């Protein structure tokens, strides 16, 4: 058996956090305004 035990995995999760990428929340009005900003709107 070459894997981590449940206790080791819990320790890593506690120390480093979940293996998760936070989702960026975008503001819809600002996103629509960004289409009109740039060199060729």
N, C-alpha and C. Protein backbone atom coordinates (compact mmCIF):
# COMPACT_ATOMS: atom_id res chain seq x y z
N UNK A 1 0.85 -1.18 0.00
CA UNK A 1 0.00 0.00 0.00
C UNK A 1 0.90 1.24 0.00
N UNK A 2 0.80 2.07 -1.03
CA UNK A 2 1.70 3.21 -1.17
C UNK A 2 1.00 4.55 -1.12
N UNK A 3 -0.24 4.59 -0.70
CA UNK A 3 -0.98 5.86 -0.66
C UNK A 3 -0.95 6.50 0.71
N UNK A 4 -1.63 7.61 0.82
CA UNK A 4 -1.74 8.31 2.10
C UNK A 4 -2.87 7.70 2.91
N UNK A 5 -2.71 7.76 4.20
CA UNK A 5 -3.80 7.33 5.06
C UNK A 5 -4.79 8.48 5.19
N UNK A 6 -5.95 8.17 5.71
CA UNK A 6 -6.98 9.18 5.91
C UNK A 6 -6.51 10.27 6.86
N UNK A 7 -5.75 9.89 7.86
CA UNK A 7 -5.24 10.87 8.84
C UNK A 7 -4.24 11.80 8.18
N UNK A 8 -3.35 11.27 7.33
CA UNK A 8 -2.39 12.11 6.63
C UNK A 8 -3.10 13.08 5.68
N UNK A 9 -4.09 12.60 4.96
CA UNK A 9 -4.83 13.45 4.03
C UNK A 9 -5.56 14.56 4.78
N UNK A 10 -6.13 14.25 5.92
CA UNK A 10 -6.80 15.27 6.73
C UNK A 10 -5.81 16.31 7.22
N UNK A 11 -4.61 15.87 7.58
CA UNK A 11 -3.57 16.81 8.03
C UNK A 11 -3.15 17.74 6.91
N UNK A 12 -2.96 17.20 5.70
CA UNK A 12 -2.61 18.05 4.56
C UNK A 12 -3.73 19.03 4.23
N UNK A 13 -4.96 18.57 4.28
CA UNK A 13 -6.10 19.43 3.99
C UNK A 13 -6.20 20.55 5.02
N UNK A 14 -5.93 20.22 6.29
CA UNK A 14 -5.99 21.23 7.35
C UNK A 14 -4.86 22.24 7.17
N UNK A 15 -3.67 21.77 6.79
CA UNK A 15 -2.50 22.64 6.67
C UNK A 15 -2.54 23.50 5.42
N UNK A 16 -2.92 22.90 4.27
CA UNK A 16 -2.84 23.61 3.00
C UNK A 16 -4.18 24.03 2.42
N UNK A 17 -5.27 23.57 2.97
CA UNK A 17 -6.60 23.90 2.45
C UNK A 17 -7.02 22.92 1.38
N UNK A 18 -8.21 23.12 0.89
CA UNK A 18 -8.75 22.23 -0.13
C UNK A 18 -8.06 22.46 -1.47
N UNK A 19 -8.03 21.45 -2.29
CA UNK A 19 -7.47 21.55 -3.63
C UNK A 19 -8.56 22.14 -4.52
N UNK A 20 -8.72 23.47 -4.42
CA UNK A 20 -9.84 24.13 -5.07
C UNK A 20 -9.38 25.47 -5.62
N UNK A 21 -9.90 25.83 -6.78
CA UNK A 21 -9.61 27.12 -7.38
C UNK A 21 -10.83 28.01 -7.14
N UNK A 22 -10.64 29.15 -6.48
CA UNK A 22 -11.80 30.02 -6.22
C UNK A 22 -12.34 30.60 -7.51
N UNK A 23 -13.64 30.65 -7.61
CA UNK A 23 -14.30 31.17 -8.81
C UNK A 23 -14.36 32.69 -8.73
N UNK A 24 -13.99 33.34 -9.82
CA UNK A 24 -14.05 34.80 -9.84
C UNK A 24 -15.47 35.23 -10.14
N UNK A 25 -15.98 36.14 -9.33
CA UNK A 25 -17.32 36.66 -9.55
C UNK A 25 -17.19 37.95 -10.34
N UNK A 26 -17.90 38.04 -11.44
CA UNK A 26 -17.82 39.21 -12.30
C UNK A 26 -19.11 40.01 -12.20
N UNK A 27 -18.94 41.30 -12.29
CA UNK A 27 -20.06 42.21 -12.23
C UNK A 27 -20.66 42.33 -13.64
N UNK A 28 -21.90 41.89 -13.88
CA UNK A 28 -22.47 41.92 -15.23
C UNK A 28 -22.48 43.30 -15.89
N UNK A 29 -22.85 44.38 -15.17
CA UNK A 29 -22.81 45.69 -15.86
C UNK A 29 -21.39 46.08 -16.29
N UNK A 30 -20.40 45.79 -15.45
CA UNK A 30 -19.03 46.13 -15.83
C UNK A 30 -18.55 45.27 -16.99
N UNK A 31 -18.99 44.03 -17.05
CA UNK A 31 -18.60 43.18 -18.16
C UNK A 31 -19.19 43.71 -19.47
N UNK A 32 -20.44 44.14 -19.44
CA UNK A 32 -21.05 44.66 -20.67
C UNK A 32 -20.38 45.97 -21.08
N UNK A 33 -19.97 46.80 -20.11
CA UNK A 33 -19.27 48.05 -20.44
C UNK A 33 -17.88 47.78 -20.98
N UNK A 34 -17.28 46.67 -20.59
CA UNK A 34 -15.92 46.37 -21.07
C UNK A 34 -15.90 46.07 -22.57
N UNK A 35 -17.02 45.71 -23.14
CA UNK A 35 -17.07 45.46 -24.59
C UNK A 35 -16.92 46.76 -25.38
N UNK A 36 -17.21 47.89 -24.75
CA UNK A 36 -17.12 49.19 -25.42
C UNK A 36 -15.80 49.90 -25.11
N UNK A 37 -14.86 49.22 -24.45
CA UNK A 37 -13.60 49.82 -24.08
C UNK A 37 -12.48 49.11 -24.83
N UNK A 38 -11.71 49.82 -25.58
CA UNK A 38 -10.59 49.23 -26.30
C UNK A 38 -10.30 50.00 -27.57
N UNK A 39 -9.31 49.55 -28.32
CA UNK A 39 -8.93 50.28 -29.52
C UNK A 39 -9.97 50.21 -30.64
N UNK A 40 -10.69 49.09 -30.72
CA UNK A 40 -11.71 48.95 -31.77
C UNK A 40 -13.02 48.51 -31.11
N UNK A 41 -13.77 49.44 -30.53
CA UNK A 41 -15.01 49.04 -29.85
C UNK A 41 -16.14 48.76 -30.84
